[in-house]
Protein backbone atom coordinates (compact mmCIF):
# COMPACT_ATOMS: atom_id res chain seq x y z
CA MET A 1 -105.98 9.42 -52.90
CA ARG A 2 -107.57 6.14 -53.89
CA LEU A 3 -107.87 5.23 -57.58
CA PRO A 4 -111.32 4.31 -58.84
CA ALA A 5 -111.78 0.56 -59.18
CA PHE A 6 -112.10 0.86 -62.98
CA PHE A 7 -108.65 2.47 -63.38
CA LEU A 8 -107.09 0.01 -60.94
CA LEU A 9 -108.50 -2.90 -62.95
CA MET A 10 -107.21 -1.41 -66.19
CA SER A 11 -103.73 -0.99 -64.70
CA LEU A 12 -103.60 -4.59 -63.52
CA THR A 13 -104.85 -5.84 -66.88
CA SER A 14 -102.18 -3.83 -68.67
CA LEU A 15 -99.48 -5.34 -66.50
CA ALA A 16 -100.79 -8.86 -66.92
CA TRP A 17 -101.27 -8.70 -70.68
CA GLY A 18 -98.58 -6.26 -71.76
CA ASP A 19 -96.35 -8.94 -73.27
CA LEU A 20 -99.28 -10.59 -75.00
CA ASP A 21 -99.98 -7.35 -76.87
CA HIS A 22 -96.68 -7.78 -78.71
CA ARG A 23 -97.44 -11.40 -79.59
CA ASP A 24 -100.98 -10.66 -80.72
CA LEU A 25 -99.88 -7.69 -82.80
CA LEU A 26 -97.11 -9.73 -84.41
CA ASP A 27 -99.59 -12.49 -85.27
CA GLN A 28 -101.93 -9.93 -86.81
CA ARG A 29 -99.13 -8.46 -88.92
CA ARG A 30 -98.04 -11.94 -89.94
CA MET A 31 -101.56 -12.95 -90.98
CA ALA A 32 -101.82 -9.75 -93.04
CA LYS A 33 -98.38 -10.44 -94.58
CA ASP A 34 -97.36 -6.99 -93.42
CA LEU A 35 -93.60 -7.48 -93.27
CA ALA A 36 -92.81 -3.85 -92.53
CA GLY A 37 -95.35 -3.93 -89.71
CA MET A 38 -93.80 -7.12 -88.35
CA LYS A 39 -90.41 -5.43 -88.23
CA VAL A 40 -91.81 -2.48 -86.27
CA CYS A 41 -93.65 -4.80 -83.92
CA LEU A 42 -90.52 -6.84 -83.24
CA GLU A 43 -88.44 -3.72 -82.65
CA ASP A 44 -91.03 -2.46 -80.13
CA TRP A 45 -91.12 -5.86 -78.44
CA GLU A 46 -87.32 -5.90 -78.20
CA ALA A 47 -87.27 -2.39 -76.72
CA ASP A 48 -89.80 -3.40 -74.04
CA CYS A 49 -88.54 -6.93 -73.33
CA PRO A 50 -84.92 -7.36 -74.52
CA ASP A 51 -84.50 -10.68 -72.69
CA ASP A 52 -87.74 -12.28 -73.81
CA VAL A 53 -86.86 -15.67 -75.36
CA GLU A 54 -89.98 -15.70 -77.51
CA MET A 55 -89.14 -12.27 -78.89
CA LEU A 56 -85.58 -13.34 -79.65
CA GLU A 57 -86.78 -16.47 -81.44
CA ASN A 58 -89.39 -14.59 -83.47
CA PHE A 59 -86.90 -11.89 -84.44
CA GLY A 60 -84.42 -14.58 -85.47
CA ASP A 61 -87.07 -16.34 -87.55
CA PHE A 62 -88.06 -13.05 -89.19
CA LEU A 63 -84.49 -12.19 -90.17
CA ASN A 64 -83.70 -15.73 -91.28
CA ALA A 65 -86.71 -15.63 -93.63
CA GLY A 66 -85.46 -12.42 -95.23
CA GLY A 67 -86.76 -9.65 -92.99
CA ALA A 68 -89.05 -6.96 -94.39
CA GLN A 69 -88.01 -7.82 -97.96
CA ALA A 70 -88.70 -11.57 -97.57
CA GLN A 71 -85.42 -12.19 -99.39
CA PRO A 72 -83.03 -14.33 -97.35
CA SER A 73 -79.47 -13.03 -97.39
CA GLY A 74 -76.24 -13.83 -95.65
CA LYS A 75 -76.22 -10.48 -93.87
CA LEU A 76 -79.69 -10.99 -92.40
CA ARG A 77 -78.97 -14.60 -91.47
CA TRP A 78 -75.88 -13.57 -89.54
CA LYS A 79 -78.11 -11.14 -87.65
CA ALA A 80 -80.52 -14.01 -86.99
CA VAL A 81 -77.60 -15.97 -85.51
CA ARG A 82 -77.18 -13.31 -82.81
CA TYR A 83 -80.84 -13.55 -81.79
CA TYR A 84 -80.82 -17.34 -81.70
CA LYS A 85 -77.62 -17.38 -79.64
CA ASP A 86 -79.11 -14.92 -77.15
CA ALA A 87 -82.26 -17.05 -76.89
CA ILE A 88 -80.16 -20.17 -76.24
CA ARG A 89 -78.13 -18.34 -73.61
CA LEU A 90 -81.36 -17.53 -71.76
CA SER A 91 -83.00 -20.91 -72.37
CA PRO A 92 -80.23 -23.48 -72.95
CA ALA A 93 -82.57 -26.47 -72.66
CA ARG A 94 -84.55 -25.48 -75.78
CA LEU A 95 -83.46 -28.14 -78.25
CA ASP A 96 -85.49 -26.65 -81.09
CA LEU A 97 -83.63 -23.34 -80.77
CA ARG A 98 -80.28 -25.10 -80.83
CA LEU A 99 -81.21 -26.95 -84.02
CA LYS A 100 -82.44 -23.72 -85.61
CA LEU A 101 -79.02 -22.21 -85.01
CA VAL A 102 -77.27 -25.21 -86.54
CA THR A 103 -79.55 -24.98 -89.58
CA VAL A 104 -78.81 -21.28 -90.10
CA TYR A 105 -75.08 -22.05 -90.09
CA ARG A 106 -75.78 -24.72 -92.71
CA ASP A 107 -77.64 -22.22 -94.89
CA LEU A 108 -74.73 -19.80 -94.49
CA TRP A 109 -72.32 -22.51 -95.68
CA ALA A 110 -70.41 -21.98 -92.44
CA PHE A 111 -69.52 -25.62 -91.85
CA ASP A 112 -67.09 -25.13 -88.96
CA ALA A 113 -69.71 -23.09 -87.07
CA GLN A 114 -72.36 -25.66 -87.99
CA TYR A 115 -70.19 -28.52 -86.72
CA ASP A 116 -69.23 -26.73 -83.48
CA SER A 117 -72.82 -25.74 -82.74
CA LEU A 118 -74.05 -29.27 -83.41
CA ALA A 119 -71.31 -30.74 -81.21
CA GLN A 120 -72.29 -28.35 -78.40
CA THR A 121 -75.93 -29.33 -78.82
CA LEU A 122 -75.11 -33.04 -78.63
CA SER A 123 -72.90 -32.52 -75.59
CA TYR A 124 -75.59 -30.53 -73.76
CA ALA A 125 -78.28 -33.07 -74.66
CA ASP A 126 -76.05 -35.91 -73.45
CA LYS A 127 -75.57 -34.29 -70.04
CA HIS A 128 -79.01 -32.72 -69.55
CA TYR A 129 -81.39 -34.90 -71.56
CA ARG A 130 -84.04 -34.79 -68.81
CA LYS A 131 -84.12 -30.98 -68.98
CA LEU A 132 -84.57 -30.67 -72.73
CA ARG A 133 -87.58 -28.71 -73.92
CA TRP A 134 -89.20 -27.84 -77.24
CA ASN A 135 -91.12 -24.97 -78.81
CA GLY A 136 -92.52 -22.60 -76.19
CA GLY A 137 -90.83 -24.56 -73.42
CA GLY A 138 -93.08 -27.58 -73.97
CA PRO A 139 -92.11 -31.25 -73.96
CA LEU A 140 -90.14 -32.81 -76.80
CA PRO A 141 -92.27 -34.38 -79.55
CA GLU A 142 -90.07 -37.50 -79.46
CA ARG A 143 -87.17 -38.96 -77.52
CA PRO A 144 -84.12 -36.69 -77.84
CA SER A 145 -82.10 -39.54 -79.37
CA ARG A 146 -84.68 -39.93 -82.14
CA ILE A 147 -84.72 -36.20 -82.87
CA LEU A 148 -80.95 -35.85 -82.90
CA THR A 149 -80.11 -39.00 -84.87
CA ALA A 150 -82.70 -38.07 -87.51
CA TYR A 151 -81.26 -34.54 -87.74
CA LEU A 152 -77.72 -35.90 -88.01
CA GLN A 153 -78.79 -38.36 -90.69
CA LYS A 154 -80.40 -35.65 -92.81
CA THR A 155 -77.35 -33.40 -92.41
CA VAL A 156 -75.00 -36.19 -93.50
CA ASN A 157 -77.28 -36.93 -96.47
CA ASP A 158 -77.20 -33.28 -97.52
CA HIS A 159 -73.40 -33.22 -97.61
CA LEU A 160 -73.05 -36.56 -99.41
CA ALA A 161 -75.59 -35.46 -102.00
CA ARG A 162 -73.18 -32.75 -103.16
CA ARG A 163 -70.92 -35.49 -104.51
CA ASN A 164 -67.68 -33.58 -104.14
CA PRO A 165 -64.62 -34.07 -101.92
CA ASP A 166 -65.62 -31.33 -99.47
CA GLY A 167 -69.10 -32.76 -99.06
CA THR A 168 -67.72 -36.24 -98.49
CA GLU A 169 -65.22 -35.04 -95.88
CA ARG A 170 -67.88 -33.06 -94.04
CA ALA A 171 -70.27 -36.00 -94.12
CA MET A 172 -67.52 -38.16 -92.61
CA ARG A 173 -66.91 -35.69 -89.77
CA LEU A 174 -70.62 -35.50 -88.97
CA ALA A 175 -71.00 -39.28 -89.12
CA ARG A 176 -68.14 -39.68 -86.65
CA LEU A 177 -69.89 -37.18 -84.40
CA ALA A 178 -73.00 -39.35 -84.57
CA VAL A 179 -71.03 -42.46 -83.62
CA THR A 180 -69.37 -40.62 -80.73
CA PHE A 181 -72.66 -39.62 -79.10
CA PHE A 182 -74.78 -42.57 -80.25
CA PRO A 183 -72.42 -45.56 -80.28
CA LYS A 184 -75.31 -48.04 -80.11
CA HIS A 185 -77.04 -46.51 -83.10
CA HIS A 186 -76.12 -48.15 -86.39
CA ASN A 187 -76.93 -45.25 -88.75
CA GLY A 188 -73.72 -43.40 -87.95
CA LEU A 189 -71.62 -46.39 -88.99
CA ASN A 190 -73.62 -46.76 -92.19
CA SER A 191 -72.98 -43.07 -92.90
CA ILE A 192 -69.22 -43.52 -92.42
CA ALA A 193 -69.39 -46.45 -94.82
CA ALA A 194 -71.23 -44.30 -97.37
CA SER A 195 -68.50 -41.66 -97.10
CA PHE A 196 -65.80 -44.24 -97.78
CA ALA A 197 -67.83 -45.65 -100.69
CA GLN A 198 -68.16 -42.22 -102.24
CA ARG A 199 -64.36 -42.00 -102.16
CA GLY A 200 -64.13 -45.41 -103.80
CA ASP A 201 -62.61 -46.97 -100.66
CA TRP A 202 -64.71 -50.12 -100.72
CA GLU A 203 -62.69 -52.10 -98.18
CA HIS A 204 -63.25 -49.54 -95.44
CA ALA A 205 -66.88 -49.13 -96.52
CA LEU A 206 -67.40 -52.87 -96.00
CA LYS A 207 -65.74 -52.75 -92.58
CA TYR A 208 -68.14 -50.11 -91.26
CA LEU A 209 -71.18 -51.69 -92.89
CA LEU A 210 -70.45 -54.97 -91.13
CA LEU A 211 -70.14 -53.10 -87.83
CA SER A 212 -73.47 -51.39 -88.53
CA ASN A 213 -75.07 -54.75 -89.30
CA GLN A 214 -73.81 -56.16 -85.99
CA ILE A 215 -75.63 -53.43 -84.08
CA ASP A 216 -78.87 -53.84 -86.04
CA PRO A 217 -79.07 -57.07 -88.08
CA HIS A 218 -82.63 -56.24 -89.21
CA ASP A 219 -81.98 -53.24 -91.47
CA PRO A 220 -82.37 -54.25 -95.14
CA VAL A 221 -80.87 -50.97 -96.39
CA VAL A 222 -77.59 -51.81 -94.65
CA GLN A 223 -77.78 -55.38 -95.92
CA ARG A 224 -78.27 -54.21 -99.49
CA ASN A 225 -75.37 -51.82 -99.03
CA ILE A 226 -73.20 -54.72 -97.92
CA GLY A 227 -74.33 -56.67 -100.98
CA ASN A 228 -73.47 -53.77 -103.28
CA VAL A 229 -70.01 -53.32 -101.78
CA LEU A 230 -69.29 -57.04 -101.94
CA THR A 231 -70.37 -57.00 -105.60
CA VAL A 232 -67.94 -54.18 -106.37
CA LEU A 233 -65.21 -56.17 -104.62
CA GLY A 234 -65.93 -59.17 -106.86
CA LYS A 235 -67.52 -61.29 -104.12
CA GLY A 236 -70.81 -62.03 -105.84
CA GLU A 237 -71.71 -65.20 -103.91
CA GLU A 238 -71.28 -63.43 -100.56
CA ALA A 239 -73.27 -60.50 -101.89
CA GLU A 240 -76.23 -62.77 -102.70
CA VAL A 241 -76.41 -63.84 -99.05
CA PHE A 242 -76.97 -60.26 -97.93
CA TYR A 243 -79.37 -59.46 -100.77
CA LYS A 244 -81.47 -62.44 -99.69
CA LYS A 245 -81.35 -61.28 -96.05
CA ALA A 246 -82.56 -57.84 -97.13
CA VAL A 247 -85.53 -59.35 -99.00
CA ASP A 248 -86.37 -61.57 -96.02
CA GLU A 249 -86.33 -58.58 -93.65
CA GLU A 250 -88.57 -56.58 -95.97
CA GLU A 251 -91.04 -59.45 -96.15
CA ALA A 252 -90.93 -59.95 -92.40
CA ALA A 253 -91.73 -56.28 -91.88
CA LYS A 254 -95.01 -56.77 -93.72
CA THR A 255 -96.22 -59.81 -91.79
CA GLY A 256 -96.91 -58.36 -88.37
CA GLU A 257 -96.61 -55.46 -85.99
CA GLU A 258 -93.82 -57.09 -83.99
CA ASN A 259 -91.58 -57.53 -87.01
CA PHE A 260 -92.54 -54.08 -88.23
CA GLN A 261 -91.20 -52.61 -85.00
CA LYS A 262 -87.96 -54.56 -85.41
CA ALA A 263 -87.38 -53.19 -88.90
CA SER A 264 -85.71 -49.94 -87.93
CA TYR A 265 -85.32 -48.90 -91.57
CA LYS A 266 -89.06 -48.18 -91.52
CA GLU A 267 -88.53 -45.60 -88.83
CA GLU A 268 -85.48 -43.66 -89.95
CA SER A 269 -83.91 -42.54 -93.20
CA GLN A 270 -80.86 -44.56 -94.20
CA ILE A 271 -78.21 -43.92 -96.84
CA ARG A 272 -78.10 -46.34 -99.74
CA ILE A 273 -74.71 -47.10 -101.24
CA PRO A 274 -74.76 -47.58 -105.04
CA LEU A 275 -72.43 -49.85 -106.97
CA SER A 276 -70.18 -46.96 -108.03
CA PRO A 277 -69.28 -43.54 -106.55
CA GLN A 278 -70.47 -42.04 -109.85
CA ASP A 279 -73.93 -43.53 -109.33
CA TYR A 280 -74.80 -41.35 -106.33
CA ARG A 281 -77.98 -39.37 -106.96
CA ASP A 282 -80.23 -37.39 -104.67
CA THR A 283 -82.77 -40.23 -104.93
CA ALA A 284 -80.21 -42.65 -103.52
CA PHE A 285 -80.43 -41.11 -100.07
CA GLY A 286 -83.09 -42.15 -97.61
CA ARG A 287 -86.42 -43.72 -98.53
């Protein structure tokens, strides 16, 4: 028995757009701020398509934001971890998913898991940088090195801003990770220097600042950091040399597009080192 053309068309349409029904319904529930409805929609989507990466990501996002109560909690975030890990298993090249997982570990104060996940992300990106994808499987918004160094920098800043021994030690470990995977990038060395400065170890801070300055001699933030450390060490005349270099670089950055491109401090957040470990404030990090 042949099916009427109308029913055949409806069957084909249902097969072709079945998954989209879940997405559209979820978007409708989200627009209406119907959290309970979102939960039901996600559960239905999971039952129909348990290996759908988009479903796994959306469910992880929903739980990470607090679920139906919109109140983030450790219990829900640990559930979100499972969904993100499953999504990464199915789509390992999705850099945005990997960074979401690292961020959830940060919010859970699970530093060892955060560090391990970030190290795995850096290792994968190092070996498969041509395969890396972004949201929805699309292209990356920037070069992977720019995305990852900026993320590392912010993570180091967050730990240093806590101004306690644990934060300093964690910032040091992350900065060393940055240097391991991006040895030609000077920010990691500046971050190591900032960690030593926060401990009051000015000699080692100066050592890593000078190494950072060798890699990029056009960063006035690093040059001011060197000046500050030299001042603390009682080497005022040497400090003035680097303060002057910092001013010159800042002026050069304003004179033309070519010099602006050379001034990497304009492109990425850098850590400023104050004259005393007690002077660290949240406003001292980045620009």
